[in-house]
Every structure is written in C-alpha cells, then in structure tokens.
Amino acid sequence: RAGTAGRSRRSPDRRIKNDGTLKIQGTASNPVVFTSIHDDTVGGDTNGNTDATNPTINDWIGIQSSTGSITATQLKVRYANSISSSSGSVDIANSDLPNTSWSSYQDGALLRLVNNTVNGTIRADQRANVSGNITIEDNQVQAGDNDEGITVYTDSDRTSALLILKNNTVTGGDRSYDIHAQRFTPSNLTGNTAVGSK
C-alpha cells in the first residue's frame, strides 16, 4: 500500500520471502519503503538508540522469490543485499533501489525492469524452456567497482525468450554490459550508454 514502511533488524537471515503473489503499489509522493531498522530517516528512531548505529548495505537480505511473482511500482529498498527470483515473474517499474544489487535467475516467466534506479548489478540468467521476455529498459545503474552493471545470459537451446535492452545508463563498474543472448533484434538493443566504467 502507498506510504507503507517496513524495517528489518540487522541479520543475515532477515528477508521478505515470497512464494505466492507479491504486489507492491506505491506512488511518487508515497512510495513503499523496505529498509534497515537502523535507518532513522523512515519512521523515526524505532530502535531508540538515536544515532548510535548507522544503516549499512547488507543489514538484511532483501526480497526473495522462488516460484512466486513480484510486481512493484514506486518501491524503495534500502540497505539490503538483493532482490532475487529463481523461477517466477518479476515486474518492477519506477522504483529506487539504493544500496541494493538486483539478481534474477529467471527460470520461469517474464522479467521486466523499467525506469528504475539500481545501485549494484542487474542480472538475468534464463536457462529454462520458457517463452517469457526479458525487458530491461530506461534504468539508471550504479555498478560497484569490480562488478558488471547489466549482465544477461539466455540459453538459446532451451528458451525462446526475447531480449529487450534499451535506453539504460550504467555508471562505474568493471564492465558495463555483459550480454550472452541469441534471440534479439538490433532494434531492441538501442540507446544503452556507459559512463566511467573500467
């Protein structure tokens, strides 16, 4: 629901786990925020220690989905390790994912990431015999120093997925784009830029 804020205690085991249908619907003025319990900028000082502890990346795991689906708009995920899916559908748009790496090992259906800000890596690895498309479009990606910005792998012998990779900007990183996909057309691979990568 728009304006919802959720916070997780610092722990390598804390996560939002989804095996059903997860729908997150925020608005530009009232986004849905998932963050660390040490992030006092959301909901105040709920752990009651003023500024004795500060939030850091990997304070909690993030959002994980195996067979379920994730649909989100106007979502903010802070100080987590990743958002990941192992076999379900993922559709995230107009969201801000600071201090979060995005991993998606797509064995099931569609992957759609449109108009997001991502601090980390977008990974799409699709090897199953499926027909869902991979759409990565209009994203701003800030890659880590030794990481890729956007990496895509599809197994041409096992998937008929069509790759759409358009108008993304990757800043930093060791390699901006690492693409291994056979099913695409040149018109679906346009407008991608890299800034300051090694």
N, C-alpha and C. Protein backbone atom coordinates (compact mmCIF):
# COMPACT_ATOMS: atom_id res chain seq x y z
N ARG A 1 0.83 -1.19 0.00
CA ARG A 1 0.00 0.00 0.00
C ARG A 1 0.87 1.24 0.00
N ALA A 2 0.46 2.28 -0.69
CA ALA A 2 1.24 3.51 -0.78
C ALA A 2 1.53 4.07 0.60
N GLY A 3 2.78 4.49 0.81
CA GLY A 3 3.18 5.08 2.07
C GLY A 3 3.61 4.08 3.13
N THR A 4 3.53 2.79 2.84
CA THR A 4 3.93 1.77 3.80
C THR A 4 5.44 1.78 3.98
N ALA A 5 5.88 1.60 5.24
CA ALA A 5 7.31 1.49 5.54
C ALA A 5 7.53 0.23 6.36
N GLY A 6 8.49 -0.60 5.95
CA GLY A 6 8.86 -1.79 6.70
C GLY A 6 10.33 -1.77 6.99
N ARG A 7 10.71 -2.19 8.23
CA ARG A 7 12.11 -2.16 8.60
C ARG A 7 12.52 -3.52 9.15
N SER A 8 13.75 -3.92 8.84
CA SER A 8 14.26 -5.22 9.25
C SER A 8 15.44 -5.04 10.19
N ARG A 9 15.51 -5.91 11.21
CA ARG A 9 16.67 -5.91 12.09
C ARG A 9 17.90 -6.38 11.34
N ARG A 10 19.07 -5.97 11.81
CA ARG A 10 20.31 -6.37 11.16
C ARG A 10 20.55 -7.85 11.40
N SER A 11 20.52 -8.60 10.35
CA SER A 11 20.71 -10.05 10.44
C SER A 11 20.88 -10.61 9.04
N PRO A 12 21.81 -11.59 8.89
CA PRO A 12 21.98 -12.21 7.58
C PRO A 12 20.81 -13.11 7.20
N ASP A 13 19.89 -13.34 8.13
CA ASP A 13 18.74 -14.22 7.87
C ASP A 13 17.45 -13.46 7.64
N ARG A 14 17.44 -12.15 7.84
CA ARG A 14 16.21 -11.37 7.70
C ARG A 14 15.92 -11.10 6.23
N ARG A 15 14.69 -11.44 5.82
CA ARG A 15 14.33 -11.26 4.42
C ARG A 15 12.81 -11.21 4.29
N ILE A 16 12.35 -10.75 3.15
CA ILE A 16 10.96 -10.92 2.74
C ILE A 16 10.96 -12.07 1.75
N LYS A 17 10.29 -13.17 2.11
CA LYS A 17 10.28 -14.35 1.25
C LYS A 17 8.91 -14.51 0.65
N ASN A 18 8.88 -14.71 -0.66
CA ASN A 18 7.62 -14.78 -1.38
C ASN A 18 7.57 -16.02 -2.25
N ASP A 19 6.53 -16.85 -2.03
CA ASP A 19 6.27 -17.97 -2.91
C ASP A 19 4.85 -17.89 -3.47
N GLY A 20 4.24 -16.74 -3.34
CA GLY A 20 2.89 -16.53 -3.85
C GLY A 20 2.88 -15.38 -4.82
N THR A 21 2.04 -14.40 -4.55
CA THR A 21 1.94 -13.20 -5.38
C THR A 21 2.20 -11.99 -4.50
N LEU A 22 3.28 -11.28 -4.77
CA LEU A 22 3.64 -10.08 -4.02
C LEU A 22 3.41 -8.86 -4.90
N LYS A 23 2.46 -8.02 -4.51
CA LYS A 23 2.15 -6.81 -5.26
C LYS A 23 2.43 -5.60 -4.37
N ILE A 24 3.27 -4.70 -4.86
CA ILE A 24 3.66 -3.51 -4.12
C ILE A 24 3.28 -2.31 -4.95
N GLN A 25 2.39 -1.49 -4.44
CA GLN A 25 1.87 -0.35 -5.20
C GLN A 25 2.06 0.92 -4.40
N GLY A 26 3.15 1.64 -4.67
CA GLY A 26 3.34 2.94 -4.06
C GLY A 26 2.99 4.04 -5.05
N THR A 27 3.20 5.27 -4.63
CA THR A 27 3.03 6.42 -5.51
C THR A 27 4.28 7.27 -5.42
N ALA A 28 4.40 8.23 -6.31
CA ALA A 28 5.59 9.09 -6.31
C ALA A 28 5.71 9.86 -5.00
N SER A 29 4.59 10.30 -4.45
CA SER A 29 4.62 11.06 -3.19
C SER A 29 4.60 10.17 -1.96
N ASN A 30 4.14 8.92 -2.12
CA ASN A 30 4.09 7.97 -1.01
C ASN A 30 4.59 6.60 -1.46
N PRO A 31 5.90 6.47 -1.62
CA PRO A 31 6.44 5.17 -2.04
C PRO A 31 6.35 4.15 -0.91
N VAL A 32 6.44 2.89 -1.27
CA VAL A 32 6.57 1.82 -0.29
C VAL A 32 8.06 1.64 -0.02
N VAL A 33 8.45 1.62 1.26
CA VAL A 33 9.87 1.57 1.63
C VAL A 33 10.14 0.35 2.51
N PHE A 34 11.14 -0.45 2.12
CA PHE A 34 11.67 -1.52 2.96
C PHE A 34 13.12 -1.17 3.26
N THR A 35 13.49 -1.16 4.55
CA THR A 35 14.82 -0.68 4.90
C THR A 35 15.31 -1.35 6.18
N SER A 36 16.50 -0.97 6.61
CA SER A 36 17.10 -1.47 7.84
C SER A 36 16.48 -0.81 9.06
N ILE A 37 16.45 -1.52 10.19
CA ILE A 37 15.94 -0.93 11.43
C ILE A 37 16.81 0.24 11.88
N HIS A 38 18.03 0.31 11.39
CA HIS A 38 18.94 1.39 11.77
C HIS A 38 18.77 2.64 10.91
N ASP A 39 17.86 2.59 9.97
CA ASP A 39 17.60 3.73 9.09
C ASP A 39 16.55 4.63 9.74
N ASP A 40 17.00 5.66 10.45
CA ASP A 40 16.08 6.54 11.17
C ASP A 40 15.38 7.54 10.28
N THR A 41 15.71 7.56 8.98
CA THR A 41 15.05 8.50 8.07
C THR A 41 13.65 8.04 7.70
N VAL A 42 13.31 6.80 8.02
CA VAL A 42 11.99 6.26 7.73
C VAL A 42 11.34 5.81 9.04
N GLY A 43 10.28 6.46 9.44
CA GLY A 43 9.56 6.05 10.64
C GLY A 43 10.20 6.46 11.95
N GLY A 44 11.28 7.25 11.92
CA GLY A 44 11.89 7.72 13.15
C GLY A 44 12.84 6.70 13.78
N ASP A 45 13.21 6.95 15.02
CA ASP A 45 14.20 6.15 15.73
C ASP A 45 13.50 5.01 16.48
N THR A 46 13.06 4.00 15.74
CA THR A 46 12.27 2.94 16.36
C THR A 46 13.10 2.03 17.27
N ASN A 47 14.41 1.96 17.08
CA ASN A 47 15.21 1.14 17.99
C ASN A 47 15.72 1.94 19.19
N GLY A 48 15.38 3.21 19.26
CA GLY A 48 15.60 4.01 20.46
C GLY A 48 17.04 4.27 20.84
N ASN A 49 17.95 4.27 19.87
CA ASN A 49 19.36 4.50 20.23
C ASN A 49 19.92 5.74 19.55
N THR A 50 19.05 6.66 19.20
CA THR A 50 19.40 7.89 18.47
C THR A 50 20.29 7.53 17.30
N ASP A 51 21.53 8.06 17.26
CA ASP A 51 22.40 7.77 16.12
C ASP A 51 23.56 6.85 16.50
N ALA A 52 23.35 5.99 17.51
CA ALA A 52 24.42 5.08 17.95
C ALA A 52 24.76 4.04 16.90
N THR A 53 23.79 3.67 16.06
CA THR A 53 24.04 2.74 14.97
C THR A 53 23.58 3.34 13.66
N ASN A 54 24.34 3.08 12.62
CA ASN A 54 24.01 3.59 11.30
C ASN A 54 23.71 2.43 10.36
N PRO A 55 22.79 2.63 9.41
CA PRO A 55 22.49 1.56 8.46
C PRO A 55 23.62 1.37 7.47
N THR A 56 23.84 0.13 7.06
CA THR A 56 24.84 -0.18 6.05
C THR A 56 24.27 -1.22 5.09
N ILE A 57 24.84 -1.29 3.91
CA ILE A 57 24.42 -2.30 2.95
C ILE A 57 24.63 -3.69 3.55
N ASN A 58 23.73 -4.62 3.22
CA ASN A 58 23.71 -5.98 3.74
C ASN A 58 23.23 -6.06 5.19
N ASP A 59 22.57 -5.02 5.70
CA ASP A 59 21.93 -5.13 7.01
C ASP A 59 20.88 -6.23 7.03
N TRP A 60 20.26 -6.47 5.87
CA TRP A 60 19.29 -7.56 5.74
C TRP A 60 19.36 -8.10 4.33
N ILE A 61 18.78 -9.28 4.09
CA ILE A 61 18.96 -9.94 2.80
C ILE A 61 18.23 -9.21 1.69
N GLY A 62 16.94 -8.91 1.89
CA GLY A 62 16.16 -8.26 0.85
C GLY A 62 14.89 -9.04 0.55
N ILE A 63 14.50 -9.04 -0.72
CA ILE A 63 13.27 -9.73 -1.14
C ILE A 63 13.67 -10.93 -1.98
N GLN A 64 13.17 -12.12 -1.60
CA GLN A 64 13.48 -13.33 -2.33
C GLN A 64 12.21 -14.03 -2.76
N SER A 65 12.18 -14.48 -3.98
CA SER A 65 11.03 -15.19 -4.52
C SER A 65 11.52 -16.41 -5.29
N SER A 66 10.85 -17.54 -5.08
CA SER A 66 11.22 -18.73 -5.86
C SER A 66 10.17 -18.99 -6.92
N THR A 67 9.04 -19.54 -6.55
CA THR A 67 8.00 -19.84 -7.53
C THR A 67 6.96 -18.74 -7.66
N GLY A 68 7.04 -17.73 -6.83
CA GLY A 68 6.03 -16.69 -6.83
C GLY A 68 6.32 -15.59 -7.83
N SER A 69 5.48 -14.56 -7.81
CA SER A 69 5.66 -13.42 -8.69
C SER A 69 5.80 -12.15 -7.86
N ILE A 70 6.58 -11.20 -8.39
CA ILE A 70 6.77 -9.89 -7.76
C ILE A 70 6.36 -8.83 -8.76
N THR A 71 5.42 -7.99 -8.37
CA THR A 71 5.02 -6.84 -9.18
C THR A 71 5.13 -5.60 -8.28
N ALA A 72 5.89 -4.61 -8.71
CA ALA A 72 6.10 -3.45 -7.84
C ALA A 72 6.23 -2.17 -8.67
N THR A 73 5.71 -1.09 -8.10
CA THR A 73 5.94 0.24 -8.65
C THR A 73 6.10 1.20 -7.49
N GLN A 74 6.97 2.20 -7.68
CA GLN A 74 7.26 3.19 -6.64
C GLN A 74 7.65 2.48 -5.34
N LEU A 75 8.66 1.62 -5.45
CA LEU A 75 9.23 0.87 -4.32
C LEU A 75 10.62 1.39 -4.03
N LYS A 76 10.96 1.50 -2.75
CA LYS A 76 12.32 1.83 -2.33
C LYS A 76 12.83 0.71 -1.42
N VAL A 77 13.95 0.11 -1.82
CA VAL A 77 14.58 -0.91 -0.99
C VAL A 77 15.95 -0.38 -0.59
N ARG A 78 16.19 -0.30 0.72
CA ARG A 78 17.43 0.31 1.21
C ARG A 78 18.22 -0.67 2.07
N TYR A 79 19.54 -0.63 1.93
CA TYR A 79 20.48 -1.34 2.79
C TYR A 79 20.28 -2.84 2.79
N ALA A 80 19.75 -3.39 1.69
CA ALA A 80 19.59 -4.83 1.55
C ALA A 80 20.67 -5.38 0.62
N ASN A 81 20.76 -6.71 0.57
CA ASN A 81 21.71 -7.34 -0.33
C ASN A 81 21.17 -7.44 -1.74
N SER A 82 19.90 -7.88 -1.90
CA SER A 82 19.41 -8.11 -3.25
C SER A 82 17.90 -8.29 -3.28
N ILE A 83 17.38 -8.16 -4.48
CA ILE A 83 16.05 -8.65 -4.81
C ILE A 83 16.29 -9.78 -5.80
N SER A 84 15.73 -10.96 -5.55
CA SER A 84 16.04 -12.09 -6.42
C SER A 84 14.83 -12.97 -6.65
N SER A 85 14.84 -13.61 -7.81
CA SER A 85 13.80 -14.57 -8.16
C SER A 85 14.46 -15.75 -8.84
N SER A 86 14.05 -16.96 -8.47
CA SER A 86 14.66 -18.15 -9.06
C SER A 86 13.79 -18.79 -10.13
N SER A 87 12.48 -18.52 -10.14
CA SER A 87 11.66 -19.15 -11.18
C SER A 87 10.36 -18.41 -11.48
N GLY A 88 10.07 -17.34 -10.78
CA GLY A 88 8.81 -16.65 -11.00
C GLY A 88 8.94 -15.45 -11.90
N SER A 89 7.86 -14.71 -12.02
CA SER A 89 7.84 -13.49 -12.81
C SER A 89 8.21 -12.29 -11.95
N VAL A 90 8.94 -11.36 -12.55
CA VAL A 90 9.34 -10.15 -11.84
C VAL A 90 9.04 -8.96 -12.74
N ASP A 91 8.31 -7.99 -12.20
CA ASP A 91 7.95 -6.79 -12.94
C ASP A 91 8.07 -5.61 -11.98
N ILE A 92 9.16 -4.85 -12.11
CA ILE A 92 9.41 -3.71 -11.22
C ILE A 92 9.62 -2.47 -12.07
N ALA A 93 8.87 -1.42 -11.74
CA ALA A 93 8.95 -0.18 -12.51
C ALA A 93 8.96 1.03 -11.59
N ASN A 94 9.61 2.09 -12.05
CA ASN A 94 9.57 3.39 -11.37
C ASN A 94 9.98 3.28 -9.90
N SER A 95 11.01 2.49 -9.64
CA SER A 95 11.42 2.23 -8.26
C SER A 95 12.87 2.63 -8.04
N ASP A 96 13.19 2.85 -6.78
CA ASP A 96 14.50 3.34 -6.37
C ASP A 96 15.11 2.30 -5.45
N LEU A 97 16.20 1.68 -5.90
CA LEU A 97 16.80 0.59 -5.15
C LEU A 97 18.23 0.95 -4.75
N PRO A 98 18.40 1.91 -3.85
CA PRO A 98 19.75 2.30 -3.46
C PRO A 98 20.39 1.24 -2.58
N ASN A 99 21.72 1.12 -2.70
CA ASN A 99 22.48 0.17 -1.89
C ASN A 99 21.92 -1.24 -1.99
N THR A 100 21.49 -1.61 -3.19
CA THR A 100 20.87 -2.91 -3.41
C THR A 100 21.35 -3.46 -4.74
N SER A 101 21.78 -4.70 -4.75
CA SER A 101 22.11 -5.35 -6.01
C SER A 101 20.92 -6.19 -6.44
N TRP A 102 20.66 -6.21 -7.74
CA TRP A 102 19.49 -6.90 -8.27
C TRP A 102 19.94 -8.17 -8.96
N SER A 103 19.52 -9.33 -8.42
CA SER A 103 19.86 -10.61 -9.04
C SER A 103 18.60 -11.33 -9.43
N SER A 104 18.52 -11.78 -10.66
CA SER A 104 17.35 -12.53 -11.11
C SER A 104 17.80 -13.70 -11.94
N TYR A 105 17.58 -14.89 -11.42
CA TYR A 105 17.89 -16.10 -12.17
C TYR A 105 16.56 -16.66 -12.68
N GLN A 106 16.18 -16.21 -13.87
CA GLN A 106 14.82 -16.43 -14.38
C GLN A 106 14.69 -17.79 -15.04
N ASP A 107 14.00 -18.70 -14.39
CA ASP A 107 13.71 -19.99 -14.99
C ASP A 107 12.24 -20.12 -15.34
N GLY A 108 11.43 -19.13 -15.02
CA GLY A 108 10.00 -19.34 -15.13
C GLY A 108 9.27 -18.50 -16.15
N ALA A 109 9.29 -17.20 -16.04
CA ALA A 109 8.42 -16.39 -16.87
C ALA A 109 9.13 -15.08 -17.20
N LEU A 110 8.38 -13.99 -17.21
CA LEU A 110 8.95 -12.75 -17.69
C LEU A 110 9.80 -12.03 -16.65
N LEU A 111 10.75 -11.28 -17.12
CA LEU A 111 11.50 -10.34 -16.30
C LEU A 111 11.32 -8.97 -16.95
N ARG A 112 10.82 -8.01 -16.19
CA ARG A 112 10.61 -6.66 -16.71
C ARG A 112 11.09 -5.66 -15.67
N LEU A 113 12.11 -4.90 -16.03
CA LEU A 113 12.65 -3.82 -15.18
C LEU A 113 12.64 -2.55 -16.01
N VAL A 114 11.82 -1.59 -15.62
CA VAL A 114 11.65 -0.39 -16.42
C VAL A 114 11.71 0.85 -15.52
N ASN A 115 12.59 1.78 -15.89
CA ASN A 115 12.67 3.09 -15.25
C ASN A 115 12.97 3.00 -13.76
N ASN A 116 13.97 2.19 -13.42
CA ASN A 116 14.40 2.07 -12.03
C ASN A 116 15.79 2.67 -11.84
N THR A 117 16.11 3.01 -10.60
CA THR A 117 17.46 3.38 -10.21
C THR A 117 18.01 2.23 -9.37
N VAL A 118 19.12 1.66 -9.81
CA VAL A 118 19.68 0.48 -9.14
C VAL A 118 21.12 0.76 -8.76
N ASN A 119 21.44 0.53 -7.49
CA ASN A 119 22.82 0.65 -7.02
C ASN A 119 23.37 -0.76 -6.87
N GLY A 120 24.03 -1.26 -7.91
CA GLY A 120 24.53 -2.63 -7.90
C GLY A 120 24.52 -3.19 -9.29
N THR A 121 24.01 -4.41 -9.45
CA THR A 121 24.03 -5.11 -10.72
C THR A 121 22.64 -5.64 -11.05
N ILE A 122 22.24 -5.52 -12.30
CA ILE A 122 21.06 -6.23 -12.80
C ILE A 122 21.56 -7.50 -13.47
N ARG A 123 21.10 -8.64 -12.97
CA ARG A 123 21.48 -9.92 -13.56
C ARG A 123 20.24 -10.67 -14.02
N ALA A 124 20.27 -11.19 -15.21
CA ALA A 124 19.19 -12.03 -15.72
C ALA A 124 19.80 -13.28 -16.31
N ASP A 125 19.44 -14.42 -15.77
CA ASP A 125 20.00 -15.69 -16.21
C ASP A 125 18.84 -16.63 -16.49
N GLN A 126 18.53 -16.83 -17.75
CA GLN A 126 17.35 -17.60 -18.14
C GLN A 126 17.78 -18.81 -18.94
N ARG A 127 17.58 -19.99 -18.36
CA ARG A 127 18.07 -21.21 -18.97
C ARG A 127 16.97 -22.24 -19.22
N ALA A 128 15.77 -21.99 -18.73
CA ALA A 128 14.71 -22.99 -18.85
C ALA A 128 13.99 -22.88 -20.18
N ASN A 129 13.14 -23.85 -20.44
CA ASN A 129 12.39 -23.89 -21.69
C ASN A 129 11.12 -23.06 -21.55
N VAL A 130 11.29 -21.74 -21.62
CA VAL A 130 10.17 -20.82 -21.42
C VAL A 130 10.16 -19.79 -22.55
N SER A 131 9.07 -19.04 -22.61
CA SER A 131 8.94 -18.06 -23.68
C SER A 131 8.82 -16.63 -23.17
N GLY A 132 8.91 -16.43 -21.86
CA GLY A 132 8.78 -15.09 -21.31
C GLY A 132 9.92 -14.18 -21.75
N ASN A 133 9.61 -12.93 -22.04
CA ASN A 133 10.62 -11.99 -22.49
C ASN A 133 11.42 -11.42 -21.34
N ILE A 134 12.60 -10.93 -21.66
CA ILE A 134 13.44 -10.20 -20.71
C ILE A 134 13.48 -8.76 -21.19
N THR A 135 12.88 -7.87 -20.41
CA THR A 135 12.84 -6.45 -20.76
C THR A 135 13.58 -5.66 -19.70
N ILE A 136 14.65 -4.99 -20.08
CA ILE A 136 15.43 -4.13 -19.19
C ILE A 136 15.56 -2.79 -19.91
N GLU A 137 14.81 -1.81 -19.44
CA GLU A 137 14.65 -0.58 -20.23
C GLU A 137 14.58 0.65 -19.33
N ASP A 138 15.29 1.70 -19.74
CA ASP A 138 15.23 3.02 -19.09
C ASP A 138 15.68 2.99 -17.63
N ASN A 139 16.66 2.14 -17.30
CA ASN A 139 17.17 2.05 -15.94
C ASN A 139 18.47 2.84 -15.79
N GLN A 140 18.69 3.37 -14.59
CA GLN A 140 19.94 4.00 -14.22
C GLN A 140 20.64 3.08 -13.23
N VAL A 141 21.81 2.57 -13.61
CA VAL A 141 22.50 1.57 -12.80
C VAL A 141 23.86 2.13 -12.35
N GLN A 142 24.09 2.12 -11.03
CA GLN A 142 25.38 2.49 -10.47
C GLN A 142 26.08 1.21 -10.05
N ALA A 143 27.04 0.76 -10.86
CA ALA A 143 27.69 -0.53 -10.61
C ALA A 143 28.81 -0.39 -9.59
N GLY A 144 29.05 -1.47 -8.85
CA GLY A 144 30.18 -1.50 -7.92
C GLY A 144 31.50 -1.51 -8.67
N ASP A 145 32.59 -1.18 -7.98
CA ASP A 145 33.89 -1.00 -8.62
C ASP A 145 34.33 -2.22 -9.43
N ASN A 146 34.08 -3.42 -8.93
CA ASN A 146 34.55 -4.62 -9.59
C ASN A 146 33.42 -5.47 -10.17
N ASP A 147 32.28 -4.85 -10.40
CA ASP A 147 31.10 -5.58 -10.85
C ASP A 147 30.65 -5.13 -12.24
N GLU A 148 29.78 -5.96 -12.84
CA GLU A 148 29.12 -5.55 -14.07
C GLU A 148 27.90 -4.69 -13.72
N GLY A 149 27.46 -3.89 -14.69
CA GLY A 149 26.25 -3.13 -14.49
C GLY A 149 25.02 -3.94 -14.85
N ILE A 150 24.96 -4.45 -16.08
CA ILE A 150 23.86 -5.30 -16.54
C ILE A 150 24.44 -6.53 -17.19
N THR A 151 24.06 -7.70 -16.70
CA THR A 151 24.53 -8.94 -17.29
C THR A 151 23.35 -9.85 -17.59
N VAL A 152 23.31 -10.38 -18.81
CA VAL A 152 22.20 -11.21 -19.27
C VAL A 152 22.75 -12.47 -19.91
N TYR A 153 22.18 -13.61 -19.52
CA TYR A 153 22.51 -14.87 -20.17
C TYR A 153 21.22 -15.61 -20.49
N THR A 154 21.05 -16.01 -21.73
CA THR A 154 19.94 -16.88 -22.11
C THR A 154 20.48 -18.07 -22.89
N ASP A 155 19.95 -19.24 -22.60
CA ASP A 155 20.35 -20.47 -23.27
C ASP A 155 19.52 -20.63 -24.53
N SER A 156 20.13 -20.45 -25.68
CA SER A 156 19.38 -20.46 -26.94
C SER A 156 18.76 -21.81 -27.25
N ASP A 157 19.31 -22.88 -26.69
CA ASP A 157 18.78 -24.21 -26.96
C ASP A 157 17.56 -24.53 -26.11
N ARG A 158 17.31 -23.72 -25.06
CA ARG A 158 16.26 -24.07 -24.12
C ARG A 158 15.22 -22.99 -23.90
N THR A 159 15.44 -21.81 -24.46
CA THR A 159 14.49 -20.74 -24.23
C THR A 159 14.19 -19.99 -25.53
N SER A 160 12.98 -19.52 -25.63
CA SER A 160 12.62 -18.66 -26.77
C SER A 160 12.42 -17.22 -26.30
N ALA A 161 12.98 -16.90 -25.12
CA ALA A 161 12.85 -15.55 -24.58
C ALA A 161 13.48 -14.52 -25.51
N LEU A 162 12.81 -13.41 -25.65
CA LEU A 162 13.30 -12.31 -26.48
C LEU A 162 13.87 -11.23 -25.57
N LEU A 163 15.10 -10.82 -25.82
CA LEU A 163 15.76 -9.80 -25.01
C LEU A 163 15.45 -8.41 -25.56
N ILE A 164 14.95 -7.54 -24.67
CA ILE A 164 14.74 -6.13 -24.99
C ILE A 164 15.59 -5.32 -24.01
N LEU A 165 16.64 -4.69 -24.52
CA LEU A 165 17.59 -3.95 -23.69
C LEU A 165 17.75 -2.57 -24.31
N LYS A 166 17.07 -1.57 -23.73
CA LYS A 166 17.01 -0.26 -24.38
C LYS A 166 17.14 0.87 -23.37
N ASN A 167 17.91 1.89 -23.76
CA ASN A 167 17.94 3.19 -23.07
C ASN A 167 18.34 3.09 -21.61
N ASN A 168 19.27 2.17 -21.30
CA ASN A 168 19.81 2.08 -19.95
C ASN A 168 21.12 2.86 -19.85
N THR A 169 21.43 3.35 -18.67
CA THR A 169 22.71 4.01 -18.42
C THR A 169 23.39 3.32 -17.25
N VAL A 170 24.61 2.84 -17.48
CA VAL A 170 25.40 2.22 -16.42
C VAL A 170 26.57 3.13 -16.10
N THR A 171 26.73 3.46 -14.83
CA THR A 171 27.83 4.30 -14.37
C THR A 171 28.77 3.47 -13.51
N GLY A 172 30.08 3.57 -13.77
CA GLY A 172 31.07 2.85 -12.97
C GLY A 172 31.10 1.38 -13.32
N GLY A 173 31.76 0.63 -12.44
CA GLY A 173 31.84 -0.81 -12.62
C GLY A 173 33.04 -1.25 -13.42
N ASP A 174 33.32 -2.55 -13.35
CA ASP A 174 34.41 -3.13 -14.10
C ASP A 174 34.04 -3.34 -15.56
N ARG A 175 32.76 -3.65 -15.79
CA ARG A 175 32.25 -3.86 -17.14
C ARG A 175 30.80 -3.41 -17.13
N SER A 176 30.42 -2.57 -18.05
CA SER A 176 29.07 -2.00 -18.03
C SER A 176 28.01 -3.03 -18.43
N TYR A 177 28.25 -3.75 -19.53
CA TYR A 177 27.27 -4.70 -20.06
C TYR A 177 27.98 -6.01 -20.38
N ASP A 178 27.36 -7.11 -19.98
CA ASP A 178 27.88 -8.44 -20.29
C ASP A 178 26.70 -9.27 -20.79
N ILE A 179 26.54 -9.37 -22.10
CA ILE A 179 25.33 -9.93 -22.69
C ILE A 179 25.67 -11.19 -23.49
N HIS A 180 25.00 -12.29 -23.12
CA HIS A 180 25.13 -13.55 -23.85
C HIS A 180 23.71 -14.01 -24.20
N ALA A 181 23.20 -13.54 -25.31
CA ALA A 181 21.83 -13.86 -25.71
C ALA A 181 21.76 -13.97 -27.21
N GLN A 182 21.05 -14.99 -27.68
CA GLN A 182 20.97 -15.22 -29.11
C GLN A 182 19.69 -14.69 -29.74
N ARG A 183 18.61 -14.60 -28.97
CA ARG A 183 17.33 -14.20 -29.54
C ARG A 183 17.08 -12.71 -29.29
N PHE A 184 17.51 -11.90 -30.22
CA PHE A 184 17.23 -10.47 -30.15
C PHE A 184 17.31 -9.88 -31.54
N THR A 185 16.75 -8.71 -31.67
CA THR A 185 16.86 -7.97 -32.92
C THR A 185 17.59 -6.66 -32.63
N PRO A 186 18.34 -6.12 -33.58
CA PRO A 186 19.09 -4.89 -33.33
C PRO A 186 18.23 -3.74 -32.82
N SER A 187 16.99 -3.65 -33.28
CA SER A 187 16.13 -2.54 -32.85
C SER A 187 15.76 -2.64 -31.37
N ASN A 188 15.95 -3.80 -30.76
CA ASN A 188 15.67 -3.96 -29.34
C ASN A 188 16.90 -3.79 -28.47
N LEU A 189 18.01 -3.41 -29.08
CA LEU A 189 19.25 -3.18 -28.33
C LEU A 189 19.80 -1.80 -28.70
N THR A 190 19.10 -0.77 -28.28
CA THR A 190 19.46 0.59 -28.67
C THR A 190 19.47 1.53 -27.46
N GLY A 191 20.24 2.59 -27.58
CA GLY A 191 20.19 3.66 -26.60
C GLY A 191 20.88 3.38 -25.29
N ASN A 192 21.65 2.31 -25.18
CA ASN A 192 22.34 1.98 -23.94
C ASN A 192 23.68 2.69 -23.87
N THR A 193 23.99 3.24 -22.72
CA THR A 193 25.23 4.01 -22.57
C THR A 193 25.99 3.57 -21.33
N ALA A 194 27.28 3.90 -21.31
CA ALA A 194 28.15 3.59 -20.18
C ALA A 194 28.95 4.84 -19.82
N VAL A 195 29.08 5.08 -18.52
CA VAL A 195 29.80 6.25 -18.06
C VAL A 195 30.82 5.82 -17.01
N GLY A 196 32.10 6.06 -17.29
CA GLY A 196 33.14 5.86 -16.27
C GLY A 196 33.44 4.43 -15.90
N SER A 197 33.11 3.47 -16.75
CA SER A 197 33.46 2.08 -16.43
C SER A 197 34.93 1.83 -16.78
N LYS A 198 35.47 0.77 -16.19
CA LYS A 198 36.87 0.43 -16.44
C LYS A 198 37.05 -0.12 -17.85
